[in-house]
N, C-alpha and C. Protein backbone atom coordinates (compact mmCIF):
# COMPACT_ATOMS: atom_id res chain seq x y z
N UNK A 1 1.32 -22.12 23.20
CA UNK A 1 2.04 -22.34 24.46
C UNK A 1 1.44 -21.49 25.54
N UNK A 2 1.27 -22.03 26.74
CA UNK A 2 0.61 -21.33 27.81
C UNK A 2 1.32 -20.12 28.31
N UNK A 3 2.16 -19.61 28.47
CA UNK A 3 2.75 -18.35 28.94
C UNK A 3 3.15 -17.43 27.84
N UNK A 4 2.76 -17.72 26.57
CA UNK A 4 3.18 -16.90 25.46
C UNK A 4 2.18 -15.80 25.20
N UNK A 5 2.66 -14.65 24.80
CA UNK A 5 1.78 -13.56 24.43
C UNK A 5 1.22 -13.81 23.05
N UNK A 6 -0.11 -13.64 22.91
CA UNK A 6 -0.76 -13.93 21.64
C UNK A 6 -0.28 -12.97 20.56
N UNK A 7 -0.11 -11.71 20.91
CA UNK A 7 0.32 -10.71 19.95
C UNK A 7 1.70 -10.20 20.32
N UNK A 8 2.65 -10.32 19.40
CA UNK A 8 4.01 -9.85 19.63
C UNK A 8 4.64 -9.56 18.27
N UNK A 9 4.50 -8.32 17.82
CA UNK A 9 5.01 -7.93 16.51
C UNK A 9 5.99 -6.77 16.66
N UNK A 10 7.13 -6.89 16.01
CA UNK A 10 8.14 -5.84 16.05
C UNK A 10 8.25 -5.19 14.68
N UNK A 11 8.27 -3.86 14.68
CA UNK A 11 8.34 -3.09 13.44
C UNK A 11 9.64 -2.29 13.41
N UNK A 12 10.24 -2.20 12.22
CA UNK A 12 11.49 -1.49 12.04
C UNK A 12 11.32 -0.41 10.96
N UNK A 13 12.34 0.37 10.79
CA UNK A 13 12.30 1.41 9.77
C UNK A 13 12.43 0.81 8.37
N UNK A 14 11.86 1.50 7.40
CA UNK A 14 11.92 1.06 6.02
C UNK A 14 13.34 1.24 5.46
N UNK A 15 13.64 0.51 4.40
CA UNK A 15 14.95 0.67 3.74
C UNK A 15 15.09 2.07 3.16
N UNK A 16 13.96 2.74 2.94
CA UNK A 16 14.01 4.10 2.42
C UNK A 16 14.74 5.03 3.39
N UNK A 17 14.55 4.82 4.69
CA UNK A 17 15.23 5.65 5.69
C UNK A 17 16.75 5.49 5.57
N UNK A 18 17.21 4.27 5.33
CA UNK A 18 18.64 4.04 5.15
C UNK A 18 19.13 4.64 3.83
N UNK A 19 18.29 4.49 2.80
CA UNK A 19 18.66 5.02 1.49
C UNK A 19 18.82 6.54 1.53
N UNK A 20 17.95 7.22 2.26
CA UNK A 20 18.05 8.67 2.37
C UNK A 20 19.36 9.08 3.04
N UNK A 21 19.77 8.34 4.06
CA UNK A 21 21.02 8.65 4.74
C UNK A 21 22.21 8.45 3.81
N UNK A 22 22.18 7.38 3.01
CA UNK A 22 23.27 7.11 2.07
C UNK A 22 23.32 8.19 0.99
N UNK A 23 22.16 8.57 0.47
CA UNK A 23 22.11 9.61 -0.57
C UNK A 23 22.64 10.93 -0.03
N UNK A 24 22.26 11.28 1.19
CA UNK A 24 22.74 12.52 1.80
C UNK A 24 24.26 12.51 1.92
N UNK A 25 24.83 11.37 2.33
CA UNK A 25 26.29 11.27 2.44
C UNK A 25 26.95 11.37 1.06
N UNK A 26 26.32 10.76 0.04
CA UNK A 26 26.87 10.82 -1.31
C UNK A 26 26.90 12.26 -1.82
N UNK A 27 25.85 13.01 -1.51
CA UNK A 27 25.80 14.42 -1.92
C UNK A 27 26.92 15.21 -1.23
N UNK A 28 27.14 14.94 0.04
CA UNK A 28 28.21 15.63 0.77
C UNK A 28 29.58 15.32 0.17
N UNK A 29 29.79 14.06 -0.21
CA UNK A 29 31.07 13.68 -0.83
C UNK A 29 31.24 14.38 -2.17
N UNK A 30 30.16 14.44 -2.96
CA UNK A 30 30.23 15.09 -4.26
C UNK A 30 30.56 16.58 -4.12
N UNK A 31 29.96 17.23 -3.14
CA UNK A 31 30.25 18.64 -2.88
C UNK A 31 31.70 18.81 -2.46
N UNK A 32 32.18 17.90 -1.63
CA UNK A 32 33.56 17.98 -1.16
C UNK A 32 34.54 17.84 -2.33
N UNK A 33 34.26 16.89 -3.22
CA UNK A 33 35.13 16.70 -4.39
C UNK A 33 35.09 17.93 -5.29
N UNK A 34 33.91 18.50 -5.46
CA UNK A 34 33.76 19.70 -6.27
C UNK A 34 34.59 20.86 -5.72
N UNK A 35 34.54 21.04 -4.41
CA UNK A 35 35.30 22.13 -3.78
C UNK A 35 36.80 21.87 -3.80
N UNK A 36 37.19 20.61 -3.70
CA UNK A 36 38.63 20.28 -3.70
C UNK A 36 39.29 20.68 -5.01
N UNK A 37 38.56 20.50 -6.10
CA UNK A 37 39.12 20.80 -7.42
C UNK A 37 39.08 22.28 -7.77
N UNK A 38 38.40 23.07 -6.97
CA UNK A 38 38.21 24.47 -7.33
C UNK A 38 38.69 25.48 -6.28
N UNK A 39 38.92 25.02 -5.08
CA UNK A 39 39.33 25.92 -4.01
C UNK A 39 40.65 25.43 -3.42
N UNK A 40 41.61 26.29 -3.43
CA UNK A 40 42.92 25.93 -2.87
C UNK A 40 42.82 25.72 -1.36
N UNK A 41 43.49 24.72 -0.87
CA UNK A 41 43.51 24.45 0.56
C UNK A 41 42.53 23.39 1.01
N UNK A 42 41.48 23.15 0.19
CA UNK A 42 40.49 22.13 0.57
C UNK A 42 41.10 20.74 0.50
N UNK A 43 41.96 20.53 -0.50
CA UNK A 43 42.57 19.21 -0.66
C UNK A 43 43.39 18.78 0.53
N UNK A 44 43.91 19.74 1.27
CA UNK A 44 44.73 19.44 2.44
C UNK A 44 43.95 18.68 3.51
N UNK A 45 42.67 19.02 3.63
CA UNK A 45 41.83 18.39 4.65
C UNK A 45 40.81 17.42 4.03
N UNK A 46 41.00 17.10 2.76
CA UNK A 46 40.03 16.26 2.05
C UNK A 46 39.85 14.90 2.73
N UNK A 47 40.96 14.23 3.02
CA UNK A 47 40.86 12.91 3.63
C UNK A 47 40.21 12.93 5.00
N UNK A 48 40.53 13.95 5.79
CA UNK A 48 39.95 14.05 7.13
C UNK A 48 38.44 14.28 7.07
N UNK A 49 38.02 15.19 6.19
CA UNK A 49 36.59 15.49 6.06
C UNK A 49 35.85 14.27 5.50
N UNK A 50 36.47 13.60 4.53
CA UNK A 50 35.84 12.41 3.95
C UNK A 50 35.65 11.32 5.00
N UNK A 51 36.66 11.16 5.84
CA UNK A 51 36.55 10.18 6.93
C UNK A 51 35.41 10.56 7.88
N UNK A 52 35.27 11.85 8.16
CA UNK A 52 34.20 12.31 9.04
C UNK A 52 32.82 12.04 8.45
N UNK A 53 32.70 12.21 7.13
CA UNK A 53 31.41 11.96 6.46
C UNK A 53 31.02 10.49 6.58
N UNK A 54 31.98 9.60 6.32
CA UNK A 54 31.67 8.17 6.40
C UNK A 54 31.45 7.73 7.85
N UNK A 55 32.15 8.35 8.78
CA UNK A 55 31.93 8.01 10.19
C UNK A 55 30.53 8.43 10.63
N UNK A 56 30.10 9.61 10.21
CA UNK A 56 28.76 10.07 10.54
C UNK A 56 27.70 9.20 9.88
N UNK A 57 27.97 8.76 8.64
CA UNK A 57 27.03 7.88 7.95
C UNK A 57 26.86 6.58 8.70
N UNK A 58 27.98 5.99 9.15
CA UNK A 58 27.90 4.74 9.90
C UNK A 58 27.10 4.93 11.19
N UNK A 59 27.32 6.06 11.85
CA UNK A 59 26.58 6.36 13.08
C UNK A 59 25.09 6.51 12.78
N UNK A 60 24.76 7.19 11.69
CA UNK A 60 23.37 7.40 11.33
C UNK A 60 22.67 6.09 11.00
N UNK A 61 23.34 5.24 10.24
CA UNK A 61 22.75 3.95 9.87
C UNK A 61 22.53 3.07 11.10
N UNK A 62 23.49 3.08 12.01
CA UNK A 62 23.34 2.30 13.24
C UNK A 62 22.19 2.84 14.09
N UNK A 63 22.05 4.16 14.14
CA UNK A 63 20.95 4.77 14.90
C UNK A 63 19.60 4.36 14.33
N UNK A 64 19.49 4.32 13.00
CA UNK A 64 18.25 3.91 12.36
C UNK A 64 17.96 2.44 12.62
N UNK A 65 19.00 1.62 12.59
CA UNK A 65 18.82 0.18 12.78
C UNK A 65 18.36 -0.14 14.20
N UNK A 66 18.70 0.68 15.17
CA UNK A 66 18.36 0.42 16.56
C UNK A 66 16.89 0.74 16.89
N UNK A 67 16.19 1.43 16.00
CA UNK A 67 14.80 1.80 16.27
C UNK A 67 13.90 0.58 16.17
N UNK A 68 13.13 0.33 17.22
CA UNK A 68 12.19 -0.79 17.26
C UNK A 68 10.88 -0.35 17.90
N UNK A 69 9.77 -0.67 17.25
CA UNK A 69 8.43 -0.49 17.84
C UNK A 69 7.81 -1.86 17.96
N UNK A 70 7.53 -2.26 19.18
CA UNK A 70 6.99 -3.59 19.44
C UNK A 70 5.56 -3.49 19.98
N UNK A 71 4.65 -4.22 19.35
CA UNK A 71 3.24 -4.22 19.76
C UNK A 71 2.92 -5.57 20.39
N UNK A 72 2.41 -5.56 21.61
CA UNK A 72 2.02 -6.78 22.31
C UNK A 72 0.61 -6.63 22.85
N UNK A 73 0.13 -7.65 23.54
CA UNK A 73 -1.19 -7.58 24.17
C UNK A 73 -1.22 -6.55 25.29
N UNK A 74 -0.06 -6.18 25.81
CA UNK A 74 -0.01 -5.25 26.94
C UNK A 74 0.08 -3.79 26.51
N UNK A 75 0.65 -3.54 25.34
CA UNK A 75 0.79 -2.16 24.90
C UNK A 75 1.90 -2.03 23.87
N UNK A 76 2.48 -0.85 23.82
CA UNK A 76 3.51 -0.51 22.84
C UNK A 76 4.85 -0.31 23.54
N UNK A 77 5.90 -0.88 22.97
CA UNK A 77 7.26 -0.67 23.46
C UNK A 77 8.09 -0.01 22.36
N UNK A 78 8.79 1.05 22.72
CA UNK A 78 9.61 1.79 21.76
C UNK A 78 11.05 1.77 22.25
N UNK A 79 11.96 1.33 21.37
CA UNK A 79 13.38 1.26 21.72
C UNK A 79 14.21 2.04 20.70
N UNK A 80 15.35 2.53 21.14
CA UNK A 80 16.25 3.24 20.26
C UNK A 80 17.51 3.66 20.99
N UNK A 81 18.41 4.31 20.25
CA UNK A 81 19.65 4.77 20.86
C UNK A 81 20.80 3.82 20.58
N UNK A 82 22.00 4.39 20.47
CA UNK A 82 23.19 3.60 20.17
C UNK A 82 24.08 3.44 21.40
N UNK A 83 24.50 4.56 21.95
CA UNK A 83 25.38 4.51 23.12
C UNK A 83 24.61 4.00 24.34
N UNK A 84 25.26 3.21 25.19
CA UNK A 84 24.57 2.62 26.35
C UNK A 84 23.87 3.67 27.22
N UNK A 85 24.48 4.84 27.40
CA UNK A 85 23.87 5.85 28.27
C UNK A 85 22.85 6.73 27.54
N UNK A 86 22.67 6.47 26.21
CA UNK A 86 21.69 7.22 25.45
C UNK A 86 20.54 6.34 24.96
N UNK A 87 20.61 5.07 25.24
CA UNK A 87 19.54 4.17 24.81
C UNK A 87 18.28 4.41 25.63
N UNK A 88 17.14 4.17 25.02
CA UNK A 88 15.87 4.34 25.72
C UNK A 88 14.94 3.18 25.42
N UNK A 89 14.08 2.90 26.36
CA UNK A 89 13.09 1.84 26.23
C UNK A 89 11.81 2.31 26.92
N UNK A 90 10.82 2.67 26.14
CA UNK A 90 9.57 3.18 26.68
C UNK A 90 8.47 2.14 26.54
N UNK A 91 7.81 1.83 27.63
CA UNK A 91 6.68 0.92 27.62
C UNK A 91 5.41 1.74 27.84
N UNK A 92 4.52 1.71 26.87
CA UNK A 92 3.29 2.50 26.93
C UNK A 92 2.09 1.56 26.92
N UNK A 93 1.39 1.41 28.03
CA UNK A 93 0.20 0.54 28.06
C UNK A 93 -0.92 1.14 27.22
N UNK A 94 -1.84 0.29 26.80
CA UNK A 94 -2.95 0.78 25.97
C UNK A 94 -3.80 1.79 26.71
N UNK A 95 -3.83 1.71 28.04
CA UNK A 95 -4.61 2.66 28.81
C UNK A 95 -4.08 4.08 28.65
N UNK A 96 -2.81 4.23 28.28
CA UNK A 96 -2.21 5.55 28.13
C UNK A 96 -2.19 6.03 26.68
N UNK A 97 -2.85 5.28 25.78
CA UNK A 97 -2.88 5.65 24.36
C UNK A 97 -4.30 6.04 23.97
N UNK A 98 -4.43 7.19 23.31
CA UNK A 98 -5.74 7.60 22.81
C UNK A 98 -6.00 7.01 21.43
N UNK A 99 -5.06 7.18 20.52
CA UNK A 99 -5.21 6.62 19.18
C UNK A 99 -3.86 6.67 18.46
N UNK A 100 -3.78 5.93 17.36
CA UNK A 100 -2.62 5.97 16.48
C UNK A 100 -3.09 6.22 15.06
N UNK A 101 -2.30 6.96 14.31
CA UNK A 101 -2.62 7.17 12.90
C UNK A 101 -1.33 7.31 12.11
N UNK A 102 -1.45 7.23 10.80
CA UNK A 102 -0.27 7.30 9.95
C UNK A 102 -0.58 8.13 8.71
N UNK A 103 0.46 8.60 8.06
CA UNK A 103 0.30 9.27 6.78
C UNK A 103 1.49 8.92 5.90
N UNK A 104 1.25 8.96 4.60
CA UNK A 104 2.30 8.60 3.65
C UNK A 104 1.98 9.22 2.29
N UNK A 105 3.01 9.40 1.48
CA UNK A 105 2.85 9.90 0.14
C UNK A 105 2.82 8.76 -0.86
N UNK A 106 2.99 9.11 -2.13
CA UNK A 106 2.95 8.10 -3.18
C UNK A 106 4.09 7.09 -3.03
N UNK A 107 5.30 7.60 -2.78
CA UNK A 107 6.45 6.69 -2.61
C UNK A 107 6.23 5.79 -1.39
N UNK A 108 5.67 6.36 -0.31
CA UNK A 108 5.38 5.57 0.87
C UNK A 108 4.35 4.49 0.59
N UNK A 109 3.38 4.80 -0.26
CA UNK A 109 2.36 3.80 -0.63
C UNK A 109 2.99 2.65 -1.40
N UNK A 110 3.87 2.99 -2.35
CA UNK A 110 4.50 1.95 -3.17
C UNK A 110 5.46 1.11 -2.34
N UNK A 111 6.24 1.76 -1.48
CA UNK A 111 7.27 1.06 -0.69
C UNK A 111 6.79 0.62 0.68
N UNK A 112 5.54 0.87 0.99
CA UNK A 112 4.91 0.42 2.24
C UNK A 112 5.60 0.99 3.48
N UNK A 113 5.74 2.30 3.51
CA UNK A 113 6.26 2.94 4.71
C UNK A 113 5.55 4.27 4.90
N UNK A 114 5.67 4.83 6.10
CA UNK A 114 5.01 6.10 6.37
C UNK A 114 5.40 6.62 7.74
N UNK A 115 4.77 7.73 8.13
CA UNK A 115 5.00 8.34 9.44
C UNK A 115 3.89 7.91 10.39
N UNK A 116 4.27 7.31 11.50
CA UNK A 116 3.30 6.84 12.50
C UNK A 116 3.29 7.81 13.68
N UNK A 117 2.08 8.20 14.09
CA UNK A 117 1.91 9.08 15.24
C UNK A 117 1.02 8.41 16.27
N UNK A 118 1.46 8.36 17.50
CA UNK A 118 0.68 7.79 18.60
C UNK A 118 0.35 8.91 19.58
N UNK A 119 -0.92 9.22 19.69
CA UNK A 119 -1.37 10.26 20.62
C UNK A 119 -1.60 9.65 21.99
N UNK A 120 -1.02 10.27 23.00
CA UNK A 120 -1.17 9.80 24.36
C UNK A 120 -2.50 10.26 24.95
N UNK A 121 -2.94 9.59 25.99
CA UNK A 121 -4.21 9.90 26.62
C UNK A 121 -4.20 11.24 27.33
N UNK A 122 -2.98 11.75 27.64
CA UNK A 122 -2.92 13.02 28.36
C UNK A 122 -3.39 14.19 27.52
N UNK A 123 -3.41 14.04 26.20
CA UNK A 123 -3.86 15.14 25.34
C UNK A 123 -3.23 15.06 23.97
N UNK A 124 -3.78 15.85 23.06
CA UNK A 124 -3.35 15.79 21.67
C UNK A 124 -1.92 16.29 21.48
N UNK A 125 -1.43 17.11 22.41
CA UNK A 125 -0.08 17.66 22.26
C UNK A 125 1.00 16.66 22.68
N UNK A 126 0.63 15.60 23.36
CA UNK A 126 1.58 14.58 23.79
C UNK A 126 1.52 13.41 22.82
N UNK A 127 2.57 13.24 22.02
CA UNK A 127 2.53 12.20 20.99
C UNK A 127 3.92 11.68 20.69
N UNK A 128 3.96 10.45 20.21
CA UNK A 128 5.19 9.84 19.70
C UNK A 128 5.09 9.83 18.18
N UNK A 129 6.14 10.28 17.52
CA UNK A 129 6.14 10.35 16.06
C UNK A 129 7.39 9.65 15.53
N UNK A 130 7.20 8.78 14.55
CA UNK A 130 8.33 8.11 13.93
C UNK A 130 8.15 8.11 12.41
N UNK A 131 9.09 8.71 11.72
CA UNK A 131 9.04 8.75 10.26
C UNK A 131 9.72 7.52 9.67
N UNK A 132 9.31 7.18 8.45
CA UNK A 132 9.97 6.10 7.72
C UNK A 132 9.72 4.71 8.26
N UNK A 133 8.61 4.48 8.95
CA UNK A 133 8.34 3.17 9.54
C UNK A 133 7.77 2.21 8.49
N UNK A 134 8.38 1.05 8.39
CA UNK A 134 7.90 0.04 7.45
C UNK A 134 6.57 -0.54 7.94
N UNK A 135 5.66 -0.80 7.00
CA UNK A 135 4.32 -1.31 7.33
C UNK A 135 3.63 -0.40 8.34
N UNK A 136 3.65 0.89 8.07
CA UNK A 136 3.06 1.87 8.99
C UNK A 136 1.56 1.63 9.20
N UNK A 137 0.87 1.26 8.14
CA UNK A 137 -0.58 1.04 8.25
C UNK A 137 -0.89 -0.15 9.17
N UNK A 138 -0.12 -1.21 9.02
CA UNK A 138 -0.33 -2.37 9.89
C UNK A 138 -0.03 -2.02 11.34
N UNK A 139 1.04 -1.27 11.55
CA UNK A 139 1.42 -0.87 12.90
C UNK A 139 0.31 -0.06 13.58
N UNK A 140 -0.20 0.96 12.91
CA UNK A 140 -1.25 1.77 13.52
C UNK A 140 -2.53 0.98 13.71
N UNK A 141 -2.79 0.03 12.81
CA UNK A 141 -3.98 -0.81 12.96
C UNK A 141 -3.91 -1.70 14.19
N UNK A 142 -2.74 -2.31 14.43
CA UNK A 142 -2.58 -3.17 15.60
C UNK A 142 -2.66 -2.37 16.89
N UNK A 143 -2.08 -1.17 16.89
CA UNK A 143 -2.14 -0.32 18.09
C UNK A 143 -3.58 0.06 18.39
N UNK A 144 -4.31 0.51 17.37
CA UNK A 144 -5.70 0.92 17.59
C UNK A 144 -6.58 -0.25 18.00
N UNK A 145 -6.32 -1.44 17.46
CA UNK A 145 -7.08 -2.61 17.87
C UNK A 145 -6.77 -2.99 19.32
N UNK A 146 -5.51 -2.80 19.72
CA UNK A 146 -5.15 -3.05 21.11
C UNK A 146 -5.83 -2.08 22.05
N UNK A 147 -5.93 -0.81 21.64
CA UNK A 147 -6.62 0.20 22.44
C UNK A 147 -8.10 -0.15 22.54
N UNK A 148 -8.69 -0.57 21.41
CA UNK A 148 -10.11 -0.94 21.43
C UNK A 148 -10.36 -2.15 22.33
N UNK A 149 -9.45 -3.12 22.30
CA UNK A 149 -9.58 -4.29 23.16
C UNK A 149 -9.52 -3.90 24.63
N UNK A 150 -8.61 -3.00 24.95
CA UNK A 150 -8.49 -2.55 26.34
C UNK A 150 -9.76 -1.83 26.78
N UNK A 151 -10.28 -0.96 25.94
CA UNK A 151 -11.49 -0.22 26.30
C UNK A 151 -12.69 -1.15 26.44
N UNK A 152 -12.76 -2.18 25.57
CA UNK A 152 -13.86 -3.14 25.66
C UNK A 152 -13.79 -3.91 26.97
N UNK A 153 -12.57 -4.25 27.39
CA UNK A 153 -12.41 -4.99 28.64
C UNK A 153 -12.75 -4.13 29.85
N UNK A 154 -12.54 -2.82 29.74
CA UNK A 154 -12.79 -1.91 30.85
C UNK A 154 -14.23 -1.40 30.89
N UNK A 155 -15.01 -1.65 29.81
CA UNK A 155 -16.38 -1.13 29.73
C UNK A 155 -17.37 -2.22 30.09
N UNK A 156 -18.15 -2.06 31.14
CA UNK A 156 -19.17 -3.05 31.49
C UNK A 156 -20.18 -3.19 30.36
N UNK A 157 -20.54 -4.43 30.08
CA UNK A 157 -21.54 -4.67 29.04
C UNK A 157 -21.04 -4.43 27.65
N UNK A 158 -19.73 -4.51 27.44
CA UNK A 158 -19.19 -4.22 26.12
C UNK A 158 -19.63 -5.24 25.08
N UNK A 159 -19.95 -6.48 25.50
CA UNK A 159 -20.40 -7.49 24.56
C UNK A 159 -21.76 -7.15 24.00
N UNK A 160 -22.60 -6.52 24.82
CA UNK A 160 -23.94 -6.19 24.36
C UNK A 160 -23.93 -4.94 23.50
N UNK A 161 -22.94 -4.11 23.66
CA UNK A 161 -22.88 -2.87 22.88
C UNK A 161 -21.46 -2.64 22.38
N UNK A 162 -21.04 -3.45 21.38
CA UNK A 162 -19.66 -3.38 20.94
C UNK A 162 -19.29 -2.09 20.24
N UNK A 163 -20.26 -1.30 19.79
CA UNK A 163 -19.95 -0.09 19.04
C UNK A 163 -19.65 1.09 19.93
N UNK A 164 -19.81 0.95 21.24
CA UNK A 164 -19.55 2.06 22.15
C UNK A 164 -18.05 2.25 22.29
N UNK A 165 -17.59 3.47 22.22
CA UNK A 165 -16.16 3.75 22.32
C UNK A 165 -15.96 5.13 22.87
N UNK A 166 -14.71 5.51 23.02
CA UNK A 166 -14.40 6.83 23.54
C UNK A 166 -14.84 7.90 22.56
N UNK A 167 -15.53 8.95 23.02
CA UNK A 167 -15.97 10.00 22.10
C UNK A 167 -14.81 10.58 21.32
N UNK A 168 -15.00 10.70 20.00
CA UNK A 168 -13.97 11.25 19.15
C UNK A 168 -13.03 10.20 18.59
N UNK A 169 -13.06 8.97 19.12
CA UNK A 169 -12.20 7.90 18.64
C UNK A 169 -12.95 6.95 17.74
N UNK A 170 -12.24 6.05 17.07
CA UNK A 170 -12.89 5.07 16.19
C UNK A 170 -13.80 4.14 16.98
N UNK A 171 -14.91 3.70 16.36
CA UNK A 171 -15.82 2.78 17.02
C UNK A 171 -15.26 1.36 16.94
N UNK A 172 -15.84 0.47 17.74
CA UNK A 172 -15.40 -0.91 17.71
C UNK A 172 -15.66 -1.54 16.36
N UNK A 173 -16.74 -1.11 15.69
CA UNK A 173 -17.05 -1.63 14.36
C UNK A 173 -15.93 -1.26 13.38
N UNK A 174 -15.44 -0.04 13.50
CA UNK A 174 -14.34 0.39 12.64
C UNK A 174 -13.07 -0.39 12.95
N UNK A 175 -12.84 -0.68 14.23
CA UNK A 175 -11.67 -1.49 14.60
C UNK A 175 -11.79 -2.90 14.03
N UNK A 176 -12.99 -3.47 14.06
CA UNK A 176 -13.20 -4.80 13.51
C UNK A 176 -12.97 -4.81 12.00
N UNK A 177 -13.41 -3.75 11.33
CA UNK A 177 -13.19 -3.65 9.88
C UNK A 177 -11.70 -3.57 9.56
N UNK A 178 -10.97 -2.79 10.36
CA UNK A 178 -9.53 -2.68 10.16
C UNK A 178 -8.85 -4.01 10.45
N UNK A 179 -9.34 -4.72 11.46
CA UNK A 179 -8.77 -6.02 11.79
C UNK A 179 -8.99 -7.00 10.64
N UNK A 180 -10.17 -6.96 10.03
CA UNK A 180 -10.46 -7.83 8.89
C UNK A 180 -9.56 -7.50 7.71
N UNK A 181 -9.26 -6.21 7.52
CA UNK A 181 -8.37 -5.81 6.43
C UNK A 181 -6.96 -6.34 6.66
N UNK A 182 -6.50 -6.27 7.91
CA UNK A 182 -5.16 -6.77 8.24
C UNK A 182 -5.06 -8.27 7.99
N UNK A 183 -6.14 -8.98 8.30
CA UNK A 183 -6.15 -10.42 8.07
C UNK A 183 -6.16 -10.73 6.57
N UNK A 184 -6.97 -9.99 5.81
CA UNK A 184 -7.08 -10.23 4.38
C UNK A 184 -5.77 -9.94 3.65
N UNK A 185 -5.03 -8.95 4.14
CA UNK A 185 -3.76 -8.59 3.50
C UNK A 185 -2.61 -9.49 3.95
N UNK A 186 -2.87 -10.36 4.93
CA UNK A 186 -1.83 -11.25 5.41
C UNK A 186 -0.91 -10.65 6.45
N UNK A 187 -1.25 -9.46 6.97
CA UNK A 187 -0.40 -8.81 7.96
C UNK A 187 -0.53 -9.43 9.34
N UNK A 188 -1.65 -10.11 9.60
CA UNK A 188 -1.81 -10.85 10.85
C UNK A 188 -2.30 -12.25 10.52
N UNK A 189 -2.04 -13.18 11.42
CA UNK A 189 -2.45 -14.57 11.19
C UNK A 189 -3.91 -14.77 11.58
N UNK A 190 -4.44 -15.92 11.20
CA UNK A 190 -5.81 -16.26 11.56
C UNK A 190 -5.97 -16.32 13.08
N UNK A 191 -4.95 -16.88 13.76
CA UNK A 191 -5.01 -16.98 15.22
C UNK A 191 -5.03 -15.60 15.86
N UNK A 192 -4.18 -14.68 15.37
CA UNK A 192 -4.16 -13.31 15.91
C UNK A 192 -5.48 -12.61 15.65
N UNK A 193 -6.05 -12.85 14.46
CA UNK A 193 -7.34 -12.22 14.11
C UNK A 193 -8.45 -12.66 15.06
N UNK A 194 -8.56 -13.96 15.28
CA UNK A 194 -9.62 -14.48 16.15
C UNK A 194 -9.42 -13.99 17.58
N UNK A 195 -8.19 -14.00 18.04
CA UNK A 195 -7.91 -13.58 19.41
C UNK A 195 -8.23 -12.10 19.62
N UNK A 196 -7.78 -11.25 18.71
CA UNK A 196 -8.00 -9.81 18.85
C UNK A 196 -9.47 -9.44 18.63
N UNK A 197 -10.14 -10.15 17.72
CA UNK A 197 -11.56 -9.89 17.50
C UNK A 197 -12.36 -10.20 18.76
N UNK A 198 -12.01 -11.33 19.41
CA UNK A 198 -12.70 -11.69 20.64
C UNK A 198 -12.50 -10.65 21.74
N UNK A 199 -11.31 -10.06 21.81
CA UNK A 199 -11.04 -9.05 22.83
C UNK A 199 -11.80 -7.76 22.55
N UNK A 200 -11.94 -7.40 21.26
CA UNK A 200 -12.64 -6.16 20.92
C UNK A 200 -14.13 -6.25 21.24
N UNK A 201 -14.76 -7.41 20.92
CA UNK A 201 -16.20 -7.53 21.16
C UNK A 201 -16.50 -8.02 22.58
N UNK A 202 -15.44 -8.29 23.35
CA UNK A 202 -15.65 -8.68 24.73
C UNK A 202 -15.79 -10.16 24.96
N UNK A 203 -15.58 -10.96 23.91
CA UNK A 203 -15.68 -12.41 24.06
C UNK A 203 -14.43 -12.94 24.72
N UNK A 204 -14.57 -14.03 25.43
CA UNK A 204 -13.43 -14.63 26.13
C UNK A 204 -12.74 -15.61 25.21
N UNK A 205 -11.97 -15.11 24.26
CA UNK A 205 -11.27 -15.95 23.30
C UNK A 205 -9.86 -16.22 23.79
N UNK A 206 -9.48 -17.50 23.96
CA UNK A 206 -8.14 -17.81 24.47
C UNK A 206 -7.10 -17.47 23.43
N UNK A 207 -5.86 -17.19 23.87
CA UNK A 207 -4.78 -16.90 22.92
C UNK A 207 -4.43 -18.13 22.12
N UNK A 208 -3.86 -17.96 20.90
CA UNK A 208 -3.47 -19.09 20.08
C UNK A 208 -2.34 -19.88 20.71
N UNK A 209 -2.32 -21.19 20.42
CA UNK A 209 -1.26 -22.02 20.98
C UNK A 209 -0.03 -21.95 20.06
N UNK A 210 0.97 -22.79 20.36
CA UNK A 210 2.22 -22.73 19.63
C UNK A 210 2.10 -23.09 18.16
N UNK A 211 0.98 -23.79 17.74
CA UNK A 211 0.82 -24.16 16.34
C UNK A 211 0.13 -23.07 15.53
N UNK A 212 -0.23 -21.94 16.19
CA UNK A 212 -0.88 -20.87 15.46
C UNK A 212 -2.37 -21.08 15.31
N UNK A 213 -2.97 -22.08 16.07
CA UNK A 213 -4.39 -22.34 16.02
C UNK A 213 -5.04 -21.97 17.33
N UNK A 214 -6.32 -21.65 17.29
CA UNK A 214 -7.04 -21.31 18.50
C UNK A 214 -7.61 -22.57 19.11
N UNK A 215 -7.31 -22.81 20.36
CA UNK A 215 -7.78 -24.02 21.01
C UNK A 215 -9.08 -23.74 21.73
């Protein structure tokens, strides 16, 4: 479709983030029950404290559910917050991003989640960090490919020298390799792959149409 953005992917937190909140609440309840049976006076406030634990758990789960990282052709959008006056929506263009990376442990590898860090162009000390993000590797790959596409578009002669990139950052060849990995794993479609590859090497590849094919 002609006014549609070729790339539009939204990422949410992994179920592990919710599971950790539930486990933490369960531990608090167990401690409360333990103290009620052994300390006089605790039972008097048992119901009130228990209600507070479950209320905080509901708040925590809702806060986790509201987190959204959206990757488009224009840049990265980050949303979060529960209360109307505490909600936030940050739009970060690729021009303001230096790089994205992620890290994860064994459990993160098995469950496909990790911590994503986006370094801003202002310097290494300015960064966005989100723990427990589902498909963290795919997210950082799409962000870095978007940054590479932007740099290729801003660099004269980028088609003739696709490997040129910002000093200290990944080369265009590395971005293309990561893009091929995302396609092979099924994290992006064939249409997204062709479109983003064309932007990285400087080719004028049109965005995919509504059928998911490149016209």
